[in-house]
């Protein structure tokens, strides 16, 4: 990327990096916050070399790990879905579509951004 003077670094963090979490997962939350700090630092360092750096902050996504756990705990599933205005979990292709945008020239002036893709869970207060 440095040699070509072009590129796009896409980091994956989490929506919990910008919110508090009532379920203790401090190491996970701290590590995702560190990804955001790294994203901003790289965005400043490498923009003069034509390299953009951004972060994707997904909410709960339908993955085998999450679904296996929630299939065994219907109350936990209902609680998590109730907090999301869309009433559903995200899909991996929705996260991938944001990554494709960030990798493309369409996002040429997007640098240092933390893009939340969570169906609105992070803006829902109740």
Protein backbone atom coordinates (compact mmCIF):
# COMPACT_ATOMS: atom_id res chain seq x y z
CA UNK A 1 0.00 0.00 0.00
CA UNK A 2 2.79 2.40 0.86
CA UNK A 3 4.59 1.67 -2.42
CA UNK A 4 1.38 2.14 -4.43
CA UNK A 5 0.41 5.21 -2.40
CA UNK A 6 -3.10 3.78 -2.14
CA UNK A 7 -5.06 1.46 0.07
CA UNK A 8 -7.75 0.95 2.63
CA UNK A 9 -7.26 -0.60 6.05
CA UNK A 10 -10.51 -1.83 7.55
CA UNK A 11 -10.50 -2.73 11.24
CA UNK A 12 -13.35 -4.54 12.96
CA UNK A 13 -14.30 -3.33 16.40
CA UNK A 14 -17.75 -3.57 18.03
CA UNK A 15 -20.61 -1.32 19.03
CA UNK A 16 -19.74 -2.09 22.66
CA UNK A 17 -16.57 -0.04 22.24
CA UNK A 18 -18.70 3.13 22.39
CA UNK A 19 -21.27 2.02 24.99
CA UNK A 20 -21.32 0.66 28.48
CA UNK A 21 -22.34 -2.96 28.84
CA UNK A 22 -24.47 -4.39 31.65
CA UNK A 23 -23.03 -7.86 31.04
CA UNK A 24 -19.41 -7.92 32.26
CA UNK A 25 -17.13 -8.33 29.30
CA UNK A 26 -14.48 -5.80 30.21
CA UNK A 27 -11.54 -7.35 28.34
CA UNK A 28 -13.60 -7.63 25.15
CA UNK A 29 -14.90 -4.08 25.44
CA UNK A 30 -11.45 -2.68 26.20
CA UNK A 31 -9.87 -4.51 23.27
CA UNK A 32 -12.54 -3.19 20.90
CA UNK A 33 -11.92 0.33 22.20
CA UNK A 34 -8.22 -0.16 21.53
CA UNK A 35 -9.06 -1.03 17.93
CA UNK A 36 -10.78 2.36 17.60
CA UNK A 37 -7.75 4.17 19.00
CA UNK A 38 -5.48 2.26 16.63
CA UNK A 39 -7.79 3.10 13.72
CA UNK A 40 -7.54 6.83 14.43
CA UNK A 41 -3.78 6.67 14.89
CA UNK A 42 -3.24 4.82 11.62
CA UNK A 43 -5.64 7.15 9.81
CA UNK A 44 -3.47 10.13 10.75
CA UNK A 45 -0.15 8.37 10.10
CA UNK A 46 -0.92 6.90 6.72
CA UNK A 47 -3.34 9.35 5.07
CA UNK A 48 -0.40 11.38 3.71
CA UNK A 49 0.72 8.16 2.00
CA UNK A 50 -2.68 7.63 0.35
CA UNK A 51 -3.86 4.96 2.78
CA UNK A 52 -7.18 5.30 4.57
CA UNK A 53 -8.02 3.53 7.83
CA UNK A 54 -11.54 3.03 9.14
CA UNK A 55 -13.34 0.78 11.60
CA UNK A 56 -16.56 -1.18 11.37
CA UNK A 57 -18.51 -1.49 14.64
CA UNK A 58 -21.06 -4.26 14.21
CA UNK A 59 -23.82 -5.08 16.62
CA UNK A 60 -24.98 -8.64 17.26
CA UNK A 61 -24.65 -10.64 14.04
CA UNK A 62 -26.15 -14.04 13.28
CA UNK A 63 -23.12 -16.28 13.60
CA UNK A 64 -23.08 -19.96 14.54
CA UNK A 65 -21.54 -19.12 17.93
CA UNK A 66 -24.20 -16.54 18.84
CA UNK A 67 -27.09 -18.55 17.47
CA UNK A 68 -26.01 -21.79 19.19
CA UNK A 69 -25.86 -19.96 22.52
CA UNK A 70 -29.17 -18.16 22.05
CA UNK A 71 -30.98 -21.28 20.84
CA UNK A 72 -30.36 -22.67 24.32
CA UNK A 73 -31.40 -19.48 26.12
CA UNK A 74 -34.66 -18.08 24.76
CA UNK A 75 -34.84 -15.40 27.47
CA UNK A 76 -31.41 -14.06 26.52
CA UNK A 77 -32.41 -14.05 22.85
CA UNK A 78 -35.63 -12.12 23.54
CA UNK A 79 -33.76 -9.59 25.70
CA UNK A 80 -31.20 -8.91 22.99
CA UNK A 81 -33.79 -8.64 20.24
CA UNK A 82 -35.97 -6.33 22.35
CA UNK A 83 -33.10 -3.84 22.56
CA UNK A 84 -32.77 -3.58 18.78
CA UNK A 85 -35.31 -1.38 16.97
CA UNK A 86 -35.11 -3.64 13.91
CA UNK A 87 -36.10 -6.64 16.03
CA UNK A 88 -33.45 -8.86 14.48
CA UNK A 89 -29.77 -9.66 14.47
CA UNK A 90 -27.52 -8.48 11.68
CA UNK A 91 -26.39 -10.69 8.86
CA UNK A 92 -22.79 -11.22 7.84
CA UNK A 93 -23.46 -10.01 4.29
CA UNK A 94 -24.65 -6.68 5.68
CA UNK A 95 -21.32 -6.21 7.46
CA UNK A 96 -19.49 -7.34 4.32
CA UNK A 97 -21.34 -4.71 2.25
CA UNK A 98 -19.98 -1.98 4.52
CA UNK A 99 -16.49 -3.44 4.18
CA UNK A 100 -16.85 -3.44 0.37
CA UNK A 101 -17.82 0.24 0.51
CA UNK A 102 -14.81 1.07 2.69
CA UNK A 103 -12.50 -0.86 0.38
CA UNK A 104 -13.85 0.90 -2.70
CA UNK A 105 -13.00 4.25 -4.25
CA UNK A 106 -16.54 5.37 -3.32
CA UNK A 107 -15.22 5.95 0.19
CA UNK A 108 -12.13 7.85 -0.96
CA UNK A 109 -12.64 10.64 1.56
CA UNK A 110 -13.63 8.42 4.48
CA UNK A 111 -10.71 8.22 6.86
CA UNK A 112 -10.54 7.66 10.60
CA UNK A 113 -14.25 6.85 10.79
CA UNK A 114 -15.90 4.45 13.21
CA UNK A 115 -18.98 3.21 11.37
CA UNK A 116 -21.64 1.60 13.54
CA UNK A 117 -23.78 -1.03 11.82
CA UNK A 118 -26.10 -2.43 14.47
CA UNK A 119 -29.71 -1.98 13.40
CA UNK A 120 -30.05 0.92 15.82
CA UNK A 121 -29.29 -0.88 19.07
CA UNK A 122 -26.73 1.77 20.07
CA UNK A 123 -29.23 4.60 19.74
CA UNK A 124 -32.09 2.86 21.56
CA UNK A 125 -32.60 4.03 25.11
CA UNK A 126 -35.11 2.23 27.29
